[in-house]
Amino acid sequence: MCLFSFTKEKPMNRSIAYCAGAFLLTLLAPIRLPAQLPPGVIVDNWGGCPPGLLLSQVDLLVIGGTLVTMDPERRILQDGFVAVQGDRIVEVGQGKPASCKRGVSARQTINAKGKLVLPGFINGHTHVPMTLLRGLRDDVTLDEWLRKYIFPAEAKNVTEEFVRWGTRLAAAEQIRGGVTTFADMYYFEDVIAEEAKAAGMRGVMGETILDFPAPDNKSNAAMLEYTEKFLKRWQGDALIHAAVAPHSIYSCSQRTLQDAAALARKYGAPILIHVAEIKKELDDSRAKNGTTPVQYLDRIGVLGPEVLAAHCIWVDEADRKILAQRQVGCVHNPSSNMMLASGVAPLIEERAAGVAVGLGTDGPAGSNNDLDLMEEMDLAAKLQKITRMDPQALGAKVVVEMATIEGARALHMEKEIGSLEAGKKADLLLIGLDAPNAVPMYDVYAQLAYALKGGDVETVIIGGRMVMRDKKLLTLDEPAVIAKAREFKNKIEASIK
């Protein structure tokens, strides 16, 4: 480390020098080892700092990579660095940190030369424990899939243990694919929050509210009571943002929807809901409510800036104006919409209206059997191109935005996540560029959207904590999780015969 330099004109006994240096270092820049990073790391200087007193230090330096910042200027920085202190980014730039003028030290340094460094991906809509139902029944409509297969299978199998292990499996899959934040709605959401936090993931999580019995709560009143306890428990948590999740207009009465919205607003919590996913939902709403799903939700006072609406496929111009005016975030789920033949979301018109649209995987059973957000980027662009017969309809840069900063905007978390900027949470990922599908690279955004895969992600950091390094998961016992998933498959299969 660069501490002191001594000249021949002013010799000093070596032992005294070391003691004096150690004493001053303790006074000026005490090294504390917070829990965010693994213990036993070496405190080392980033090469190139001038000699002198060590006056600046950070927990982590990522150096030498190609930074895809997703900041307002959408800067791409060659030979870039990201400096992290605690759970936040403190500096982003090229070459050496500005603090290097005074000397800088990092508890841990990652050499990202030859790699892409990006903000973590944001999966805006999913139901993570359903990893354990992956492949149970495919190639049917959404209505048939829910009522004939998923709801009955869930009624027989969904327990706290099911949810715990399904969440662990999903966390492993999402971290491997570079997802650092996800929005989830399911049952036993308290357990999902516990497991996501243990894995080091950031999440917006809502307990599902319905007008019929669920695996964890048998009445509407019990669901609301559970949700309120859930909101109280997780208020102020650094990683978990507790939400309220009325399932949809076809599974919740007007009273239920309004009660759920009131509960969310009481605690300043997000509202997660499925909106205008299939044509039947639109037709039924017109017949029952006299208007579209979006206009019905607006009429009864549910829509607002705390709402994250999944799908938003069957929406017209008036709907889009309402979504924009109410600052509702939307989530596009191309794999799910294609697999269930739900329709094609009018992304371009939604964005033009001013709606923030993120990306989601949905599923991961029946509607999409994986949690690969990089695949969603690829499909989102191509789905718009083919349905409009226009290769320029939706470009690579836009879908990368949807997976990062626009996804953060949809969640109303753009001040905290979604880009590599000083002051934001230190959620980032590294992608290696040595695979055959990674070269040559002429355009970074095109490479990310159309060539690179989730499996190319090498290292993932969430809130300054490394959760995967060099493709090795650090917060999950992956072999145990996979073994348990196989056990559940046998139980579930036997239960539905």
Protein backbone atom coordinates (compact mmCIF):
# COMPACT_ATOMS: atom_id res chain seq x y z
CA MET A 1 0.00 0.00 0.00
CA CYS A 2 1.21 3.58 -0.63
CA LEU A 3 1.65 4.96 2.89
CA PHE A 4 4.95 6.85 3.33
CA SER A 5 8.04 7.52 1.29
CA PHE A 6 11.37 8.35 2.89
CA THR A 7 14.37 10.03 1.28
CA LYS A 8 18.09 9.47 1.84
CA GLU A 9 18.23 12.97 3.29
CA LYS A 10 15.75 12.03 6.02
CA PRO A 11 16.41 8.41 6.98
CA MET A 12 14.14 6.75 9.49
CA ASN A 13 14.37 3.49 11.33
CA ARG A 14 12.19 1.00 9.45
CA SER A 15 10.34 -0.28 12.50
CA ILE A 16 9.54 3.24 13.68
CA ALA A 17 8.31 4.08 10.20
CA TYR A 18 5.97 1.12 10.10
CA CYS A 19 4.61 1.95 13.58
CA ALA A 20 4.14 5.61 12.74
CA GLY A 21 2.50 4.70 9.47
CA ALA A 22 0.16 2.24 11.12
CA PHE A 23 -0.77 4.76 13.81
CA LEU A 24 -1.56 7.53 11.33
CA LEU A 25 -3.42 5.13 9.06
CA THR A 26 -5.62 4.13 11.98
CA LEU A 27 -6.40 7.76 12.77
CA LEU A 28 -6.96 8.93 9.22
CA ALA A 29 -8.61 5.98 7.51
CA PRO A 30 -9.58 3.13 9.82
CA ILE A 31 -10.32 -0.08 8.00
CA ARG A 32 -13.57 -1.70 9.03
CA LEU A 33 -14.70 -4.99 7.63
CA PRO A 34 -18.47 -4.77 7.13
CA ALA A 35 -20.49 -7.87 6.37
CA GLN A 36 -21.25 -6.88 2.79
CA LEU A 37 -18.17 -8.59 1.40
CA PRO A 38 -16.74 -12.04 2.20
CA PRO A 39 -14.31 -12.13 5.15
CA GLY A 40 -10.61 -12.66 4.64
CA VAL A 41 -10.18 -10.42 1.61
CA ILE A 42 -6.88 -8.61 1.16
CA VAL A 43 -6.70 -4.85 1.63
CA ASP A 44 -4.70 -3.71 -1.37
CA ASN A 45 -4.06 -0.53 -3.28
CA TRP A 46 -5.25 -0.07 -6.82
CA GLY A 47 -2.11 0.22 -8.90
CA GLY A 48 -1.07 3.65 -10.14
CA CYS A 49 -1.87 5.78 -7.09
CA PRO A 50 0.86 8.30 -6.26
CA PRO A 51 2.85 7.73 -3.06
CA GLY A 52 1.65 9.60 0.01
CA LEU A 53 -0.71 9.24 2.90
CA LEU A 54 -3.62 6.87 2.35
CA LEU A 55 -6.57 9.23 2.79
CA SER A 56 -9.31 7.51 0.76
CA GLN A 57 -10.51 3.95 0.76
CA VAL A 58 -13.46 2.02 -0.58
CA ASP A 59 -14.81 -1.46 -0.09
CA LEU A 60 -14.71 -2.51 -3.72
CA LEU A 61 -13.17 -1.35 -6.99
CA VAL A 62 -14.20 -2.83 -10.33
CA ILE A 63 -11.57 -1.70 -12.82
CA GLY A 64 -10.62 -2.02 -16.46
CA GLY A 65 -13.97 -3.08 -17.91
CA THR A 66 -16.29 -1.65 -20.54
CA LEU A 67 -18.96 0.14 -18.52
CA VAL A 68 -22.48 0.25 -19.97
CA THR A 69 -23.66 2.87 -17.51
CA MET A 70 -27.31 3.42 -18.58
CA ASP A 71 -26.92 6.89 -17.04
CA PRO A 72 -28.82 9.87 -18.56
CA GLU A 73 -26.14 10.28 -21.25
CA ARG A 74 -26.03 6.49 -21.80
CA ARG A 75 -22.25 6.64 -21.57
CA ILE A 76 -20.19 3.60 -22.52
CA LEU A 77 -16.81 3.91 -20.82
CA GLN A 78 -13.79 1.94 -21.98
CA ASP A 79 -11.24 1.11 -19.26
CA GLY A 80 -13.86 2.18 -16.75
CA PHE A 81 -14.08 1.80 -13.00
CA VAL A 82 -16.83 1.57 -10.40
CA ALA A 83 -15.96 2.40 -6.78
CA VAL A 84 -18.25 1.01 -4.07
CA GLN A 85 -18.49 1.98 -0.42
CA GLY A 86 -20.95 0.02 1.69
CA ASP A 87 -24.01 -0.69 -0.45
CA ARG A 88 -23.63 2.31 -2.77
CA ILE A 89 -21.61 3.41 -5.76
CA VAL A 90 -19.41 6.38 -4.83
CA GLU A 91 -17.65 7.00 -8.15
CA VAL A 92 -17.88 5.93 -11.80
CA GLY A 93 -15.42 6.93 -14.49
CA GLN A 94 -12.51 6.07 -16.76
CA GLY A 95 -8.89 5.44 -15.86
CA LYS A 96 -8.21 6.12 -12.18
CA PRO A 97 -10.69 7.41 -9.59
CA ALA A 98 -10.41 11.13 -8.86
CA SER A 99 -9.70 10.24 -5.25
CA CYS A 100 -6.49 8.57 -6.45
CA LYS A 101 -4.90 12.03 -6.42
CA ARG A 102 -4.84 11.64 -2.65
CA GLY A 103 -4.32 7.90 -2.62
CA VAL A 104 -7.01 5.23 -2.68
CA SER A 105 -7.27 1.72 -1.31
CA ALA A 106 -9.87 -0.97 -1.81
CA ARG A 107 -10.68 -3.89 0.41
CA GLN A 108 -11.32 -5.86 -2.75
CA THR A 109 -10.50 -5.26 -6.40
CA ILE A 110 -12.06 -6.95 -9.43
CA ASN A 111 -10.16 -6.78 -12.70
CA ALA A 112 -12.88 -6.48 -15.34
CA LYS A 113 -10.57 -6.13 -18.33
CA GLY A 114 -12.19 -7.77 -21.35
CA LYS A 115 -15.63 -7.78 -19.70
CA LEU A 116 -18.81 -5.73 -19.81
CA VAL A 117 -19.92 -4.09 -16.56
CA LEU A 118 -23.62 -3.21 -16.34
CA PRO A 119 -26.26 -2.28 -13.79
CA GLY A 120 -28.10 -5.37 -12.54
CA PHE A 121 -31.09 -6.55 -14.53
CA ILE A 122 -34.60 -5.94 -13.16
CA ASN A 123 -37.22 -8.67 -13.54
CA GLY A 124 -40.43 -6.67 -13.22
CA HIS A 125 -42.94 -9.51 -12.91
CA THR A 126 -42.70 -13.09 -11.75
CA HIS A 127 -43.99 -15.72 -9.30
CA VAL A 128 -40.72 -17.28 -8.18
CA PRO A 129 -41.82 -20.40 -6.22
CA MET A 130 -43.49 -21.65 -9.40
CA THR A 131 -40.06 -22.86 -10.51
CA LEU A 132 -41.17 -26.10 -8.82
CA LEU A 133 -44.12 -26.32 -11.24
CA ARG A 134 -41.94 -25.76 -14.30
CA GLY A 135 -43.20 -27.95 -17.16
CA LEU A 136 -46.20 -29.30 -15.23
CA ARG A 137 -48.56 -28.37 -18.06
CA ASP A 138 -47.78 -26.37 -21.16
CA ASP A 139 -49.35 -25.47 -24.51
CA VAL A 140 -52.79 -24.42 -23.20
CA THR A 141 -54.59 -21.09 -22.83
CA LEU A 142 -54.10 -18.93 -19.74
CA ASP A 143 -57.66 -19.53 -18.51
CA GLU A 144 -57.36 -23.32 -18.91
CA TRP A 145 -53.84 -23.36 -17.47
CA LEU A 146 -54.91 -21.50 -14.33
CA ARG A 147 -58.23 -23.17 -13.62
CA LYS A 148 -57.54 -26.76 -14.68
CA TYR A 149 -53.92 -27.19 -13.71
CA ILE A 150 -52.17 -24.49 -11.69
CA PHE A 151 -54.82 -23.57 -9.11
CA PRO A 152 -55.54 -27.27 -8.30
CA ALA A 153 -51.83 -28.16 -8.14
CA GLU A 154 -51.15 -25.18 -5.90
CA ALA A 155 -54.03 -26.06 -3.59
CA LYS A 156 -52.51 -29.51 -3.00
CA ASN A 157 -48.81 -28.64 -2.89
CA VAL A 158 -48.08 -25.05 -1.96
CA THR A 159 -46.78 -24.92 1.61
CA GLU A 160 -44.14 -22.85 3.35
CA GLU A 161 -41.56 -25.52 2.48
CA PHE A 162 -42.61 -25.49 -1.19
CA VAL A 163 -42.30 -21.70 -1.30
CA ARG A 164 -38.95 -21.70 0.52
CA TRP A 165 -37.27 -24.16 -1.83
CA GLY A 166 -38.94 -22.76 -4.94
CA THR A 167 -37.63 -19.32 -4.05
CA ARG A 168 -34.13 -20.65 -3.51
CA LEU A 169 -34.22 -22.34 -6.90
CA ALA A 170 -35.44 -19.13 -8.53
CA ALA A 171 -32.82 -17.04 -6.74
CA ALA A 172 -30.06 -19.29 -8.05
CA GLU A 173 -31.43 -19.06 -11.59
CA GLN A 174 -31.96 -15.31 -11.49
CA ILE A 175 -28.55 -14.51 -10.01
CA ARG A 176 -26.92 -16.69 -12.66
CA GLY A 177 -28.73 -14.61 -15.28
CA GLY A 178 -27.71 -11.25 -13.82
CA VAL A 179 -31.04 -10.34 -12.20
CA THR A 180 -30.46 -8.27 -9.07
CA THR A 181 -34.01 -6.99 -8.44
CA PHE A 182 -37.31 -8.76 -9.03
CA ALA A 183 -41.00 -8.01 -8.44
CA ASP A 184 -42.93 -11.00 -7.19
CA MET A 185 -46.50 -11.84 -6.26
CA TYR A 186 -47.39 -15.22 -4.78
CA TYR A 187 -48.36 -16.90 -1.50
CA PHE A 188 -46.42 -17.11 1.78
CA GLU A 189 -44.70 -13.97 0.54
CA ASP A 190 -43.04 -13.52 3.92
CA VAL A 191 -41.05 -16.69 3.22
CA ILE A 192 -40.14 -15.46 -0.25
CA ALA A 193 -38.85 -12.23 1.27
CA GLU A 194 -36.77 -14.14 3.83
CA GLU A 195 -35.18 -16.35 1.18
CA ALA A 196 -34.57 -13.50 -1.26
CA LYS A 197 -32.84 -11.51 1.46
CA ALA A 198 -30.76 -14.52 2.51
CA ALA A 199 -29.64 -14.92 -1.11
CA GLY A 200 -28.75 -11.22 -1.20
CA MET A 201 -31.38 -10.25 -3.78
CA ARG A 202 -33.38 -7.04 -3.94
CA GLY A 203 -37.13 -7.48 -4.31
CA VAL A 204 -40.53 -5.84 -4.51
CA MET A 205 -42.81 -8.51 -3.11
CA GLY A 206 -46.57 -8.65 -2.71
CA GLU A 207 -48.82 -11.17 -1.01
CA THR A 208 -51.47 -12.24 -3.55
CA ILE A 209 -55.02 -11.23 -2.65
CA LEU A 210 -57.98 -13.09 -4.16
CA ASP A 211 -61.71 -13.57 -3.63
CA PHE A 212 -61.34 -17.33 -3.19
CA PRO A 213 -59.21 -19.45 -0.83
CA ALA A 214 -55.46 -19.46 -1.37
CA PRO A 215 -52.89 -21.98 -0.10
CA ASP A 216 -51.85 -19.76 2.81
CA ASN A 217 -55.05 -17.86 3.65
CA LYS A 218 -58.57 -19.20 3.27
CA SER A 219 -60.49 -15.92 3.33
CA ASN A 220 -60.22 -12.47 1.89
CA ALA A 221 -60.02 -10.96 5.37
CA ALA A 222 -57.16 -13.31 6.30
CA MET A 223 -55.26 -12.30 3.16
CA LEU A 224 -55.53 -8.62 4.02
CA GLU A 225 -54.52 -9.29 7.63
CA TYR A 226 -51.49 -11.31 6.49
CA THR A 227 -50.55 -8.56 4.05
CA GLU A 228 -50.68 -5.85 6.71
CA LYS A 229 -48.38 -7.86 8.99
CA PHE A 230 -46.09 -8.44 6.02
CA LEU A 231 -45.96 -4.70 5.29
CA LYS A 232 -45.17 -3.88 8.91
CA ARG A 233 -42.42 -6.48 9.18
CA TRP A 234 -40.44 -5.36 6.14
CA GLN A 235 -40.83 -1.58 6.35
CA GLY A 236 -37.46 0.11 5.96
CA ASP A 237 -35.56 -3.01 4.91
CA ALA A 238 -32.56 -2.32 2.67
CA LEU A 239 -33.39 -5.10 0.20
CA ILE A 240 -37.06 -6.02 0.56
CA HIS A 241 -39.84 -3.64 -0.49
CA ALA A 242 -43.14 -5.10 0.74
CA ALA A 243 -46.13 -4.62 -1.56
CA VAL A 244 -49.83 -5.40 -1.86
CA ALA A 245 -50.82 -7.65 -4.75
CA PRO A 246 -54.50 -7.92 -5.70
CA HIS A 247 -54.31 -10.55 -8.43
CA SER A 248 -56.53 -9.06 -11.16
CA ILE A 249 -59.97 -7.65 -11.89
CA TYR A 250 -61.25 -11.14 -12.75
CA SER A 251 -60.21 -12.68 -9.42
CA CYS A 252 -60.95 -9.71 -7.13
CA SER A 253 -64.20 -7.84 -6.52
CA GLN A 254 -64.37 -4.05 -6.60
CA ARG A 255 -64.38 -3.99 -2.79
CA THR A 256 -61.31 -6.24 -2.63
CA LEU A 257 -59.42 -4.10 -5.13
CA GLN A 258 -60.26 -0.91 -3.25
CA ASP A 259 -59.38 -2.43 0.14
CA ALA A 260 -56.04 -3.61 -1.24
CA ALA A 261 -55.27 -0.18 -2.71
CA ALA A 262 -56.21 1.55 0.56
CA LEU A 263 -53.94 -0.79 2.53
CA ALA A 264 -51.02 -0.11 0.19
CA ARG A 265 -51.48 3.65 0.46
CA LYS A 266 -51.74 3.47 4.24
CA TYR A 267 -48.17 2.11 4.33
CA GLY A 268 -46.80 3.85 1.24
CA ALA A 269 -46.36 0.46 -0.42
CA PRO A 270 -46.38 -0.57 -4.10
CA ILE A 271 -49.39 -2.28 -5.69
CA LEU A 272 -48.71 -5.24 -7.99
CA ILE A 273 -51.51 -6.41 -10.29
CA HIS A 274 -52.17 -8.20 -13.61
CA VAL A 275 -53.90 -5.85 -16.06
CA ALA A 276 -55.42 -6.45 -19.52
CA GLU A 277 -53.48 -9.66 -20.11
CA ILE A 278 -55.91 -11.54 -22.37
CA LYS A 279 -58.75 -10.69 -24.74
CA LYS A 280 -61.25 -12.51 -22.52
CA GLU A 281 -60.38 -10.16 -19.66
CA LEU A 282 -61.16 -7.18 -21.89
CA ASP A 283 -64.42 -8.68 -23.18
CA ASP A 284 -65.59 -9.70 -19.71
CA SER A 285 -64.76 -6.26 -18.31
CA ARG A 286 -66.75 -4.52 -21.01
CA ALA A 287 -69.70 -6.83 -20.36
CA LYS A 288 -69.55 -6.58 -16.56
CA ASN A 289 -68.10 -3.12 -15.93
CA GLY A 290 -69.05 -1.32 -19.12
CA THR A 291 -65.46 -0.36 -19.88
CA THR A 292 -61.88 -1.60 -20.29
CA PRO A 293 -59.83 -3.07 -17.40
CA VAL A 294 -57.66 0.07 -17.21
CA GLN A 295 -60.61 2.46 -17.21
CA TYR A 296 -62.44 0.33 -14.64
CA LEU A 297 -59.42 0.34 -12.29
CA ASP A 298 -59.13 4.09 -12.73
CA ARG A 299 -62.83 4.64 -12.10
CA ILE A 300 -62.73 2.77 -8.78
CA GLY A 301 -59.61 4.66 -7.63
CA VAL A 302 -56.98 1.92 -7.81
CA LEU A 303 -54.56 3.41 -10.33
CA GLY A 304 -51.75 5.67 -9.17
CA PRO A 305 -47.96 6.04 -9.15
CA GLU A 306 -47.58 3.13 -6.72
CA VAL A 307 -49.08 0.67 -9.22
CA LEU A 308 -47.00 -1.80 -11.23
CA ALA A 309 -49.25 -3.34 -13.87
CA ALA A 310 -48.13 -6.58 -15.47
CA HIS A 311 -48.83 -7.17 -19.19
CA CYS A 312 -51.07 -4.24 -20.34
CA ILE A 313 -51.67 -5.92 -23.70
CA TRP A 314 -55.32 -5.18 -24.44
CA VAL A 315 -55.17 -1.41 -23.96
CA ASP A 316 -56.39 1.32 -26.29
CA GLU A 317 -55.29 4.94 -26.71
CA ALA A 318 -57.51 6.17 -23.88
CA ASP A 319 -56.08 3.47 -21.61
CA ARG A 320 -52.52 4.49 -22.43
CA LYS A 321 -53.25 8.12 -21.61
CA ILE A 322 -54.68 7.09 -18.24
CA LEU A 323 -51.67 4.89 -17.46
CA ALA A 324 -49.33 7.78 -18.27
CA GLN A 325 -51.37 10.36 -16.35
CA ARG A 326 -51.56 8.13 -13.27
CA GLN A 327 -47.83 7.34 -13.58
CA VAL A 328 -48.52 3.61 -13.58
CA GLY A 329 -45.51 1.43 -14.37
CA CYS A 330 -46.08 -1.43 -16.83
CA VAL A 331 -44.19 -4.67 -17.32
CA HIS A 332 -43.91 -6.42 -20.68
CA ASN A 333 -43.55 -10.22 -20.56
CA PRO A 334 -42.89 -11.34 -24.13
CA SER A 335 -42.17 -15.03 -23.47
CA SER A 336 -45.35 -15.40 -21.44
CA ASN A 337 -47.49 -13.49 -23.92
CA MET A 338 -46.19 -15.60 -26.80
CA MET A 339 -46.40 -18.94 -24.98
CA LEU A 340 -50.00 -18.37 -23.85
CA ALA A 341 -50.94 -16.57 -27.09
CA SER A 342 -52.20 -13.71 -24.94
CA GLY A 343 -51.44 -11.03 -27.51
CA VAL A 344 -48.76 -8.48 -28.33
CA ALA A 345 -48.40 -5.47 -26.05
CA PRO A 346 -48.41 -2.11 -27.87
CA LEU A 347 -45.02 -1.19 -26.44
CA ILE A 348 -44.19 1.56 -28.87
CA GLU A 349 -47.49 3.36 -28.31
CA GLU A 350 -47.21 2.91 -24.52
CA ARG A 351 -43.73 4.40 -24.47
CA ALA A 352 -44.79 7.22 -26.79
CA ALA A 353 -47.61 8.05 -24.37
CA GLY A 354 -45.04 8.41 -21.60
CA VAL A 355 -45.60 5.10 -19.82
CA ALA A 356 -42.52 3.55 -18.19
CA VAL A 357 -42.32 -0.07 -19.37
CA GLY A 358 -40.00 -2.65 -17.89
CA LEU A 359 -39.41 -6.31 -18.69
CA GLY A 360 -40.50 -9.44 -16.86
CA THR A 361 -40.26 -13.18 -17.25
CA ASP A 362 -43.62 -14.03 -15.63
CA GLY A 363 -43.86 -17.73 -14.86
CA PRO A 364 -41.68 -19.61 -14.38
CA ALA A 365 -44.19 -22.33 -15.17
CA GLY A 366 -46.60 -22.68 -18.06
CA SER A 367 -46.36 -19.05 -19.12
CA ASN A 368 -42.57 -19.11 -19.34
CA ASN A 369 -40.43 -21.93 -18.06
CA ASP A 370 -37.33 -19.91 -17.25
CA LEU A 371 -36.21 -16.67 -15.58
CA ASP A 372 -33.76 -15.46 -18.23
CA LEU A 373 -34.23 -11.72 -18.63
CA MET A 374 -31.68 -11.54 -21.45
CA GLU A 375 -33.97 -13.79 -23.46
CA GLU A 376 -36.81 -11.35 -22.77
CA MET A 377 -34.73 -8.50 -24.22
CA ASP A 378 -34.22 -10.46 -27.42
CA LEU A 379 -37.86 -11.49 -27.72
CA ALA A 380 -39.25 -8.05 -26.85
CA ALA A 381 -37.41 -6.48 -29.78
CA LYS A 382 -38.16 -9.23 -32.28
CA LEU A 383 -41.83 -9.53 -31.34
CA GLN A 384 -42.42 -5.86 -32.15
CA LYS A 385 -40.45 -6.13 -35.38
CA ILE A 386 -42.38 -9.09 -36.79
CA THR A 387 -45.86 -7.95 -35.76
CA ARG A 388 -45.27 -4.54 -37.33
CA MET A 389 -43.21 -5.85 -40.25
CA ASP A 390 -40.65 -3.21 -39.36
CA PRO A 391 -37.06 -4.16 -38.42
CA GLN A 392 -36.60 -0.75 -36.79
CA ALA A 393 -39.74 -0.93 -34.64
CA LEU A 394 -37.92 -1.57 -31.35
CA GLY A 395 -34.13 -1.43 -31.18
CA ALA A 396 -31.52 -3.16 -29.09
CA LYS A 397 -30.73 -0.11 -26.99
CA VAL A 398 -34.37 0.29 -25.98
CA VAL A 399 -34.75 -3.28 -24.72
CA VAL A 400 -31.52 -2.99 -22.71
CA GLU A 401 -33.04 0.15 -21.19
CA MET A 402 -36.19 -1.80 -20.38
CA ALA A 403 -34.14 -4.40 -18.51
CA THR A 404 -32.31 -1.74 -16.50
CA ILE A 405 -33.17 1.95 -16.08
CA GLU A 406 -36.68 1.79 -17.59
CA GLY A 407 -37.42 -1.23 -15.42
CA ALA A 408 -36.36 0.87 -12.45
CA ARG A 409 -38.64 3.69 -13.62
CA ALA A 410 -41.57 1.28 -13.88
CA LEU A 411 -40.92 0.31 -10.25
CA HIS A 412 -40.44 3.99 -9.31
CA MET A 413 -36.96 3.07 -8.08
CA GLU A 414 -34.89 4.91 -10.70
CA LYS A 415 -33.22 7.06 -8.04
CA GLU A 416 -31.84 3.93 -6.40
CA ILE A 417 -31.16 1.33 -9.10
CA GLY A 418 -31.06 0.82 -12.87
CA SER A 419 -27.81 2.57 -13.80
CA LEU A 420 -24.18 2.89 -12.78
CA GLU A 421 -24.13 6.31 -11.12
CA ALA A 422 -22.62 7.71 -7.94
CA GLY A 423 -25.12 7.59 -5.10
CA LYS A 424 -27.09 4.63 -6.42
CA LYS A 425 -27.18 1.15 -4.96
CA ALA A 426 -24.20 -0.96 -5.97
CA ASP A 427 -26.12 -3.50 -8.06
CA LEU A 428 -23.98 -4.56 -11.00
CA LEU A 429 -22.95 -7.52 -13.09
CA LEU A 430 -19.97 -8.56 -15.18
CA ILE A 431 -20.30 -10.41 -18.48
CA GLY A 432 -17.33 -12.19 -20.01
CA LEU A 433 -16.57 -11.69 -23.68
CA ASP A 434 -14.48 -14.78 -24.39
CA ALA A 435 -17.31 -17.05 -25.55
CA PRO A 436 -17.83 -17.69 -29.30
CA ASN A 437 -21.20 -15.89 -29.22
CA ALA A 438 -19.56 -12.81 -27.66
CA VAL A 439 -17.20 -11.94 -30.51
CA PRO A 440 -16.73 -9.89 -32.55
CA MET A 441 -18.54 -6.98 -30.87
CA TYR A 442 -19.32 -3.91 -32.96
CA ASP A 443 -22.25 -2.57 -30.96
CA VAL A 444 -22.61 -3.17 -27.22
CA TYR A 445 -26.40 -2.89 -27.13
CA ALA A 446 -26.89 -5.25 -30.06
CA GLN A 447 -24.54 -7.75 -28.46
CA LEU A 448 -26.49 -7.64 -25.20
CA ALA A 449 -29.90 -7.92 -26.84
CA TYR A 450 -29.25 -10.43 -29.60
CA ALA A 451 -26.05 -12.39 -28.95
CA LEU A 452 -25.16 -12.69 -25.28
CA LYS A 453 -27.10 -15.02 -22.99
CA GLY A 454 -27.87 -15.19 -19.30
CA GLY A 455 -25.29 -17.93 -18.97
CA ASP A 456 -22.57 -15.48 -20.02
CA VAL A 457 -22.94 -13.53 -16.76
CA GLU A 458 -19.88 -14.20 -14.59
CA THR A 459 -20.09 -12.02 -11.50
CA VAL A 460 -23.04 -10.38 -9.73
CA ILE A 461 -22.94 -7.77 -6.95
CA ILE A 462 -26.05 -6.59 -5.10
CA GLY A 463 -25.86 -3.73 -2.64
CA GLY A 464 -22.08 -4.03 -2.57
CA ARG A 465 -22.26 -7.73 -1.69
CA MET A 466 -20.86 -10.26 -4.12
CA VAL A 467 -23.46 -13.01 -4.62
CA MET A 468 -21.75 -14.72 -7.56
CA ARG A 469 -18.10 -14.58 -8.60
CA ASP A 470 -16.70 -16.28 -11.68
CA LYS A 471 -20.00 -18.18 -12.05
CA LYS A 472 -19.85 -19.59 -8.53
CA LEU A 473 -22.86 -18.80 -6.34
CA LEU A 474 -21.77 -17.48 -2.95
CA THR A 475 -25.07 -17.19 -1.08
CA LEU A 476 -26.84 -20.42 -1.99
CA ASP A 477 -26.09 -24.14 -1.71
CA GLU A 478 -26.85 -24.84 -5.35
CA PRO A 479 -26.45 -28.66 -5.31
CA ALA A 480 -28.81 -28.93 -2.32
CA VAL A 481 -31.37 -26.69 -4.02
CA ILE A 482 -31.30 -28.74 -7.21
CA ALA A 483 -31.62 -32.01 -5.28
CA LYS A 484 -34.62 -30.67 -3.36
CA ALA A 485 -36.30 -29.51 -6.56
CA ARG A 486 -36.10 -33.07 -7.88
CA GLU A 487 -37.75 -34.35 -4.69
CA PHE A 488 -40.61 -31.89 -5.10
CA LYS A 489 -41.16 -33.00 -8.67
CA ASN A 490 -41.94 -36.53 -7.49
CA LYS A 491 -44.35 -35.29 -4.80
CA ILE A 492 -46.19 -32.92 -7.12
CA GLU A 493 -46.51 -35.46 -9.90
CA ALA A 494 -47.99 -38.01 -7.50
CA SER A 495 -50.48 -35.47 -6.13
CA ILE A 496 -52.14 -34.72 -9.45
CA LYS A 497 -52.51 -38.25 -10.79
